[in-house]
Each structure stands twice: as C-alpha cells, then as structure tokens.
Amino acid sequence: MSTLRAHPNAREGTQSYEVAFALRSPVATVFSTYIDTDRWRHRGFANDVRWVQGNPWEEGSRIRVEISDPLPAVVEHVLLHYERNRELIYTSHVFGATLNTRLLFTATSEDETEIRVSVEIAGKPWPIFNSSMEPLIKKTTSRFFEDLKRDCEWSALQARQAQTSGKIIPGESDRSSQP
C-alpha cells in the first residue's frame, strides 16, 4: 500500500493517497457489489448508511455513513461522477478534512478487476491526527476493500460452481458460509 504524499499538482497543505486492489471477479460483479450500500454495514466500520439527498448513485446525491472505527463519526459523501462499471468520484467531509476520492474500475481480464483508489485530503484535520490522517485512511481503505474483495470473490466462486452443476472447481476451497 502506498503512503500519503503530496501530489505534484496538489495545493499546499493537501496530501494524496493512491492504492490499487486486484480482485478475481468480473468488473460488473465488483461494481455492483461496491454500489450495494446495504453491504457497507457488514464491512467492519459502518453502523448506518443512508441516502439523505437525491436518488442513490445519481450525481449530486448525498450519502451519510455513521462509522464507529477507528473513532465514532459521521461521513457525508457527495457523488460528483458516476459511470457504471468504470468510475466513481465523490467528495467527503470527516474529522475536519475534505476528501476528494476517485475510484477507477478496470477489467484486467474477463474474470479479474483492478480498483484504483485515489484520495486527496485537504483542510486541517482534528488535532488528534497530528496534521496527518494517513493511518486512518490506510486502515479504513484497506479494510473496506479487502472486505469488498472477499464479497466479490465469494460471489464469483458461487457463480462458477453454479455453472459446473454445484461441483467444487479444482483448486477452489469450499466455504461454509457467505461473508
């Protein structure tokens, strides 16, 4: 995982962070799993997820996420751009900072997807973060996308098993329950 660093074009006082996640699942499955906000509650840190303005995944709409880890807070995301199976851009406000986030979904093969996450952090975070939100961003981003990866790969495994009449595909492990 990359470290937060100032982007060459970033304004003074901003930090940027970029990381990529590889998933063994088709891009349509990954994207549809990501935008299923009901699943966000099961990704380890969200207590409540609600669309508070506009229609879900419509540009300009707002989603409010109450988190409990690493600290209790409310994050409000405003969707700036939506391109199905390809790209999401939103701005968020949390812990006194503004985060501008871009997610790029790329099919690297028929059954594999890469998600590239770019985050620019502006503003002055709460003093508890000692002017750096790097550990917080790393922790929550990694946890969220590792859980997403598990969900997507589980769905892809189920689909492959259904195509082979319920038989386990050699090399694939059987899981007793869905995550």
C-alpha atoms as a PDB file:
ATOM      1  CA  MET A   1       0.000   0.000   0.000  1.00  0.00           C
ATOM      2  CA  SER A   2       1.286   3.456  -0.871  1.00  0.00           C
ATOM      3  CA  THR A   3       1.957   6.179   1.635  1.00  0.00           C
ATOM      4  CA  LEU A   4       0.219   9.507   1.647  1.00  0.00           C
ATOM      5  CA  ARG A   5       2.299  12.009  -0.228  1.00  0.00           C
ATOM      6  CA  ALA A   6       1.838  15.422  -1.707  1.00  0.00           C
ATOM      7  CA  HIS A   7       0.742  15.126  -5.322  1.00  0.00           C
ATOM      8  CA  PRO A   8       2.875  17.311  -7.632  1.00  0.00           C
ATOM      9  CA  ASN A   9      -0.222  19.365  -8.552  1.00  0.00           C
ATOM     10  CA  ALA A  10      -1.736  19.395  -5.063  1.00  0.00           C
ATOM     11  CA  ARG A  11      -2.336  22.626  -3.250  1.00  0.00           C
ATOM     12  CA  GLU A  12      -0.148  23.390  -0.270  1.00  0.00           C
ATOM     13  CA  GLY A  13      -1.422  21.595   2.810  1.00  0.00           C
ATOM     14  CA  THR A  14      -3.009  18.699   0.925  1.00  0.00           C
ATOM     15  CA  GLN A  15      -1.990  15.087   0.999  1.00  0.00           C
ATOM     16  CA  SER A  16      -2.807  12.437  -1.558  1.00  0.00           C
ATOM     17  CA  TYR A  17      -3.030   8.701  -1.356  1.00  0.00           C
ATOM     18  CA  GLU A  18      -3.306   6.104  -4.085  1.00  0.00           C
ATOM     19  CA  VAL A  19      -3.671   2.357  -3.873  1.00  0.00           C
ATOM     20  CA  ALA A  20      -4.857  -0.444  -6.157  1.00  0.00           C
ATOM     21  CA  PHE A  21      -6.724  -3.631  -5.308  1.00  0.00           C
ATOM     22  CA  ALA A  22      -6.821  -6.691  -7.572  1.00  0.00           C
ATOM     23  CA  LEU A  23      -9.935  -8.863  -7.407  1.00  0.00           C
ATOM     24  CA  ARG A  24     -10.633 -12.239  -9.010  1.00  0.00           C
ATOM     25  CA  SER A  25     -14.093 -11.236 -10.126  1.00  0.00           C
ATOM     26  CA  PRO A  26     -15.613  -9.639 -13.258  1.00  0.00           C
ATOM     27  CA  VAL A  27     -15.833  -5.848 -13.291  1.00  0.00           C
ATOM     28  CA  ALA A  28     -19.664  -5.865 -13.415  1.00  0.00           C
ATOM     29  CA  THR A  29     -19.779  -8.004 -10.253  1.00  0.00           C
ATOM     30  CA  VAL A  30     -17.224  -5.820  -8.470  1.00  0.00           C
ATOM     31  CA  PHE A  31     -19.001  -2.593  -9.369  1.00  0.00           C
ATOM     32  CA  SER A  32     -22.474  -3.852  -8.443  1.00  0.00           C
ATOM     33  CA  THR A  33     -21.145  -5.199  -5.137  1.00  0.00           C
ATOM     34  CA  TYR A  34     -19.448  -1.874  -4.388  1.00  0.00           C
ATOM     35  CA  ILE A  35     -22.592   0.193  -5.020  1.00  0.00           C
ATOM     36  CA  ASP A  36     -24.734  -2.104  -2.832  1.00  0.00           C
ATOM     37  CA  THR A  37     -24.622   0.236   0.154  1.00  0.00           C
ATOM     38  CA  ASP A  38     -26.588  -2.205   2.320  1.00  0.00           C
ATOM     39  CA  ARG A  39     -23.416  -4.334   2.332  1.00  0.00           C
ATOM     40  CA  TRP A  40     -21.350  -1.432   3.685  1.00  0.00           C
ATOM     41  CA  ARG A  41     -22.768  -2.145   7.149  1.00  0.00           C
ATOM     42  CA  HIS A  42     -21.009  -5.512   7.049  1.00  0.00           C
ATOM     43  CA  ARG A  43     -17.596  -4.174   6.129  1.00  0.00           C
ATOM     44  CA  GLY A  44     -16.430  -3.669   9.687  1.00  0.00           C
ATOM     45  CA  PHE A  45     -16.848   0.007  10.462  1.00  0.00           C
ATOM     46  CA  ALA A  46     -20.213   1.399   9.278  1.00  0.00           C
ATOM     47  CA  ASN A  47     -23.106   1.439  11.738  1.00  0.00           C
ATOM     48  CA  ASP A  48     -25.603   3.195   9.492  1.00  0.00           C
ATOM     49  CA  VAL A  49     -25.656   4.077   5.791  1.00  0.00           C
ATOM     50  CA  ARG A  50     -28.427   6.312   4.385  1.00  0.00           C
ATOM     51  CA  TRP A  51     -29.019   8.286   1.236  1.00  0.00           C
ATOM     52  CA  VAL A  52     -30.044  11.704   2.557  1.00  0.00           C
ATOM     53  CA  GLN A  53     -30.446  13.692  -0.663  1.00  0.00           C
ATOM     54  CA  GLY A  54     -31.203  12.703  -4.241  1.00  0.00           C
ATOM     55  CA  ASN A  55     -31.520   9.226  -5.694  1.00  0.00           C
ATOM     56  CA  PRO A  56     -28.874   6.597  -4.910  1.00  0.00           C
ATOM     57  CA  TRP A  57     -25.850   6.844  -7.203  1.00  0.00           C
ATOM     58  CA  GLU A  58     -27.183   9.877  -9.033  1.00  0.00           C
ATOM     59  CA  GLU A  59     -24.675  12.698  -9.488  1.00  0.00           C
ATOM     60  CA  GLY A  60     -25.206  15.307  -6.767  1.00  0.00           C
ATOM     61  CA  SER A  61     -26.775  12.818  -4.355  1.00  0.00           C
ATOM     62  CA  ARG A  62     -25.571  12.562  -0.761  1.00  0.00           C
ATOM     63  CA  ILE A  63     -24.990   9.508   1.375  1.00  0.00           C
ATOM     64  CA  ARG A  64     -24.414   9.689   5.107  1.00  0.00           C
ATOM     65  CA  VAL A  65     -22.286   6.991   6.753  1.00  0.00           C
ATOM     66  CA  GLU A  66     -22.005   6.669  10.522  1.00  0.00           C
ATOM     67  CA  ILE A  67     -18.739   4.969  11.421  1.00  0.00           C
ATOM     68  CA  SER A  68     -17.551   3.555  14.714  1.00  0.00           C
ATOM     69  CA  ASP A  69     -13.971   2.624  13.946  1.00  0.00           C
ATOM     70  CA  PRO A  70     -11.374   3.949  14.425  1.00  0.00           C
ATOM     71  CA  LEU A  71     -13.404   6.788  16.012  1.00  0.00           C
ATOM     72  CA  PRO A  72     -17.154   7.430  16.038  1.00  0.00           C
ATOM     73  CA  ALA A  73     -18.010   9.967  13.325  1.00  0.00           C
ATOM     74  CA  VAL A  74     -20.406  10.853  10.538  1.00  0.00           C
ATOM     75  CA  VAL A  75     -19.053  10.966   6.983  1.00  0.00           C
ATOM     76  CA  GLU A  76     -21.115  12.657   4.312  1.00  0.00           C
ATOM     77  CA  HIS A  77     -20.252  11.796   0.715  1.00  0.00           C
ATOM     78  CA  VAL A  78     -21.436  13.839  -2.274  1.00  0.00           C
ATOM     79  CA  LEU A  79     -21.362  11.928  -5.560  1.00  0.00           C
ATOM     80  CA  LEU A  80     -19.751  14.038  -8.266  1.00  0.00           C
ATOM     81  CA  HIS A  81     -19.448  11.495 -11.092  1.00  0.00           C
ATOM     82  CA  TYR A  82     -20.927   8.064 -11.808  1.00  0.00           C
ATOM     83  CA  GLU A  83     -20.025   5.892 -14.777  1.00  0.00           C
ATOM     84  CA  ARG A  84     -21.355   2.363 -14.374  1.00  0.00           C
ATOM     85  CA  ASN A  85     -18.682  -0.357 -14.220  1.00  0.00           C
ATOM     86  CA  ARG A  86     -15.941   2.239 -14.695  1.00  0.00           C
ATOM     87  CA  GLU A  87     -15.624   5.230 -12.362  1.00  0.00           C
ATOM     88  CA  LEU A  88     -16.958   6.978  -9.245  1.00  0.00           C
ATOM     89  CA  ILE A  89     -15.851  10.367  -7.938  1.00  0.00           C
ATOM     90  CA  TYR A  90     -17.071  11.863  -4.692  1.00  0.00           C
ATOM     91  CA  THR A  91     -16.132  14.366  -2.043  1.00  0.00           C
ATOM     92  CA  SER A  92     -16.427  13.599   1.659  1.00  0.00           C
ATOM     93  CA  HIS A  93     -16.231  15.519   4.895  1.00  0.00           C
ATOM     94  CA  VAL A  94     -14.909  13.892   8.072  1.00  0.00           C
ATOM     95  CA  PHE A  95     -12.704  14.766  11.053  1.00  0.00           C
ATOM     96  CA  GLY A  96     -12.356  18.381   9.907  1.00  0.00           C
ATOM     97  CA  ALA A  97     -10.961  17.454   6.495  1.00  0.00           C
ATOM     98  CA  THR A  98     -12.329  17.223   2.965  1.00  0.00           C
ATOM     99  CA  LEU A  99     -11.502  14.089   0.994  1.00  0.00           C
ATOM    100  CA  ASN A 100     -11.783  14.000  -2.781  1.00  0.00           C
ATOM    101  CA  THR A 101     -11.930  10.383  -3.900  1.00  0.00           C
ATOM    102  CA  ARG A 102     -11.779   8.737  -7.318  1.00  0.00           C
ATOM    103  CA  LEU A 103     -12.375   5.028  -7.852  1.00  0.00           C
ATOM    104  CA  LEU A 104     -11.448   3.586 -11.221  1.00  0.00           C
ATOM    105  CA  PHE A 105     -12.698   0.055 -12.022  1.00  0.00           C
ATOM    106  CA  THR A 106     -10.726  -1.702 -14.779  1.00  0.00           C
ATOM    107  CA  ALA A 107     -11.283  -5.191 -16.172  1.00  0.00           C
ATOM    108  CA  THR A 108      -7.823  -6.732 -16.367  1.00  0.00           C
ATOM    109  CA  SER A 109      -9.339  -9.910 -17.837  1.00  0.00           C
ATOM    110  CA  GLU A 110     -12.806 -11.409 -18.215  1.00  0.00           C
ATOM    111  CA  ASP A 111     -12.708 -12.607 -14.607  1.00  0.00           C
ATOM    112  CA  GLU A 112     -10.416 -10.081 -12.927  1.00  0.00           C
ATOM    113  CA  THR A 113     -10.762  -6.435 -11.947  1.00  0.00           C
ATOM    114  CA  GLU A 114      -8.470  -3.772 -10.595  1.00  0.00           C
ATOM    115  CA  ILE A 115      -9.823  -0.932  -8.464  1.00  0.00           C
ATOM    116  CA  ARG A 116      -7.540   2.095  -8.276  1.00  0.00           C
ATOM    117  CA  VAL A 117      -8.415   4.391  -5.376  1.00  0.00           C
ATOM    118  CA  SER A 118      -7.053   7.946  -5.333  1.00  0.00           C
ATOM    119  CA  VAL A 119      -7.730  10.228  -2.373  1.00  0.00           C
ATOM    120  CA  GLU A 120      -6.744  13.862  -1.910  1.00  0.00           C
ATOM    121  CA  ILE A 121      -7.069  15.202   1.622  1.00  0.00           C
ATOM    122  CA  ALA A 122      -7.476  18.941   2.126  1.00  0.00           C
ATOM    123  CA  GLY A 123      -8.173  21.052   5.171  1.00  0.00           C
ATOM    124  CA  LYS A 124      -6.897  20.831   8.686  1.00  0.00           C
ATOM    125  CA  PRO A 125      -7.812  17.547  10.374  1.00  0.00           C
ATOM    126  CA  TRP A 126      -8.684  17.440  14.037  1.00  0.00           C
ATOM    127  CA  PRO A 127      -5.619  17.906  16.303  1.00  0.00           C
ATOM    128  CA  ILE A 128      -5.807  14.251  17.371  1.00  0.00           C
ATOM    129  CA  PHE A 129      -4.381  13.307  13.957  1.00  0.00           C
ATOM    130  CA  ASN A 130      -1.255  15.464  14.361  1.00  0.00           C
ATOM    131  CA  SER A 131      -1.917  17.018  10.922  1.00  0.00           C
ATOM    132  CA  SER A 132      -1.889  13.612   9.211  1.00  0.00           C
ATOM    133  CA  MET A 133      -4.805  11.327   8.525  1.00  0.00           C
ATOM    134  CA  GLU A 134      -2.557   8.758   6.815  1.00  0.00           C
ATOM    135  CA  PRO A 135      -3.009   5.927   9.355  1.00  0.00           C
ATOM    136  CA  LEU A 136      -6.784   6.404   9.419  1.00  0.00           C
ATOM    137  CA  ILE A 137      -7.129   6.457   5.627  1.00  0.00           C
ATOM    138  CA  LYS A 138      -4.864   3.429   5.218  1.00  0.00           C
ATOM    139  CA  LYS A 139      -6.733   1.397   7.810  1.00  0.00           C
ATOM    140  CA  THR A 140     -10.278   2.115   6.665  1.00  0.00           C
ATOM    141  CA  THR A 141      -9.500   1.918   2.943  1.00  0.00           C
ATOM    142  CA  SER A 142      -7.681  -1.373   3.303  1.00  0.00           C
ATOM    143  CA  ARG A 143     -10.379  -2.922   5.486  1.00  0.00           C
ATOM    144  CA  PHE A 144     -13.239  -1.767   3.241  1.00  0.00           C
ATOM    145  CA  PHE A 145     -11.665  -3.015   0.016  1.00  0.00           C
ATOM    146  CA  GLU A 146     -10.399  -6.291   1.479  1.00  0.00           C
ATOM    147  CA  ASP A 147     -13.980  -6.983   2.629  1.00  0.00           C
ATOM    148  CA  LEU A 148     -15.261  -5.974  -0.822  1.00  0.00           C
ATOM    149  CA  LYS A 149     -12.707  -8.307  -2.406  1.00  0.00           C
ATOM    150  CA  ARG A 150     -13.887 -11.186  -0.208  1.00  0.00           C
ATOM    151  CA  ASP A 151     -17.550 -10.481  -1.100  1.00  0.00           C
ATOM    152  CA  CYS A 152     -16.820 -10.304  -4.833  1.00  0.00           C
ATOM    153  CA  GLU A 153     -14.603 -13.369  -4.942  1.00  0.00           C
ATOM    154  CA  TRP A 154     -17.188 -15.331  -2.953  1.00  0.00           C
ATOM    155  CA  SER A 155     -19.888 -14.293  -5.469  1.00  0.00           C
ATOM    156  CA  ALA A 156     -17.627 -15.248  -8.383  1.00  0.00           C
ATOM    157  CA  LEU A 157     -16.899 -18.635  -6.801  1.00  0.00           C
ATOM    158  CA  GLN A 158     -20.623 -19.251  -6.311  1.00  0.00           C
ATOM    159  CA  ALA A 159     -21.280 -18.356  -9.967  1.00  0.00           C
ATOM    160  CA  ARG A 160     -18.514 -20.688 -11.196  1.00  0.00           C
ATOM    161  CA  GLN A 161     -19.843 -23.500  -9.016  1.00  0.00           C
ATOM    162  CA  ALA A 162     -23.374 -22.977 -10.336  1.00  0.00           C
ATOM    163  CA  GLN A 163     -22.027 -23.227 -13.895  1.00  0.00           C
ATOM    164  CA  THR A 164     -20.402 -26.569 -13.090  1.00  0.00           C
ATOM    165  CA  SER A 165     -23.567 -28.088 -11.579  1.00  0.00           C
ATOM    166  CA  GLY A 166     -22.668 -27.335  -7.999  1.00  0.00           C
ATOM    167  CA  LYS A 167     -19.337 -29.149  -8.093  1.00  0.00           C
ATOM    168  CA  ILE A 168     -16.321 -27.564  -6.446  1.00  0.00           C
ATOM    169  CA  ILE A 169     -13.834 -26.372  -9.034  1.00  0.00           C
ATOM    170  CA  PRO A 170     -10.392 -27.962  -8.524  1.00  0.00           C
ATOM    171  CA  GLY A 171      -8.161 -25.586  -6.592  1.00  0.00           C
ATOM    172  CA  GLU A 172     -11.110 -23.666  -5.127  1.00  0.00           C
ATOM    173  CA  SER A 173     -11.906 -24.090  -1.480  1.00  0.00           C
ATOM    174  CA  ASP A 174     -15.414 -24.638  -0.183  1.00  0.00           C
ATOM    175  CA  ARG A 175     -16.633 -22.036   2.276  1.00  0.00           C
ATOM    176  CA  SER A 176     -19.300 -22.993   4.757  1.00  0.00           C
ATOM    177  CA  SER A 177     -20.995 -19.609   4.785  1.00  0.00           C
ATOM    178  CA  GLN A 178     -21.010 -16.391   2.811  1.00  0.00           C
ATOM    179  CA  PRO A 179     -19.121 -13.491   4.429  1.00  0.00           C
END
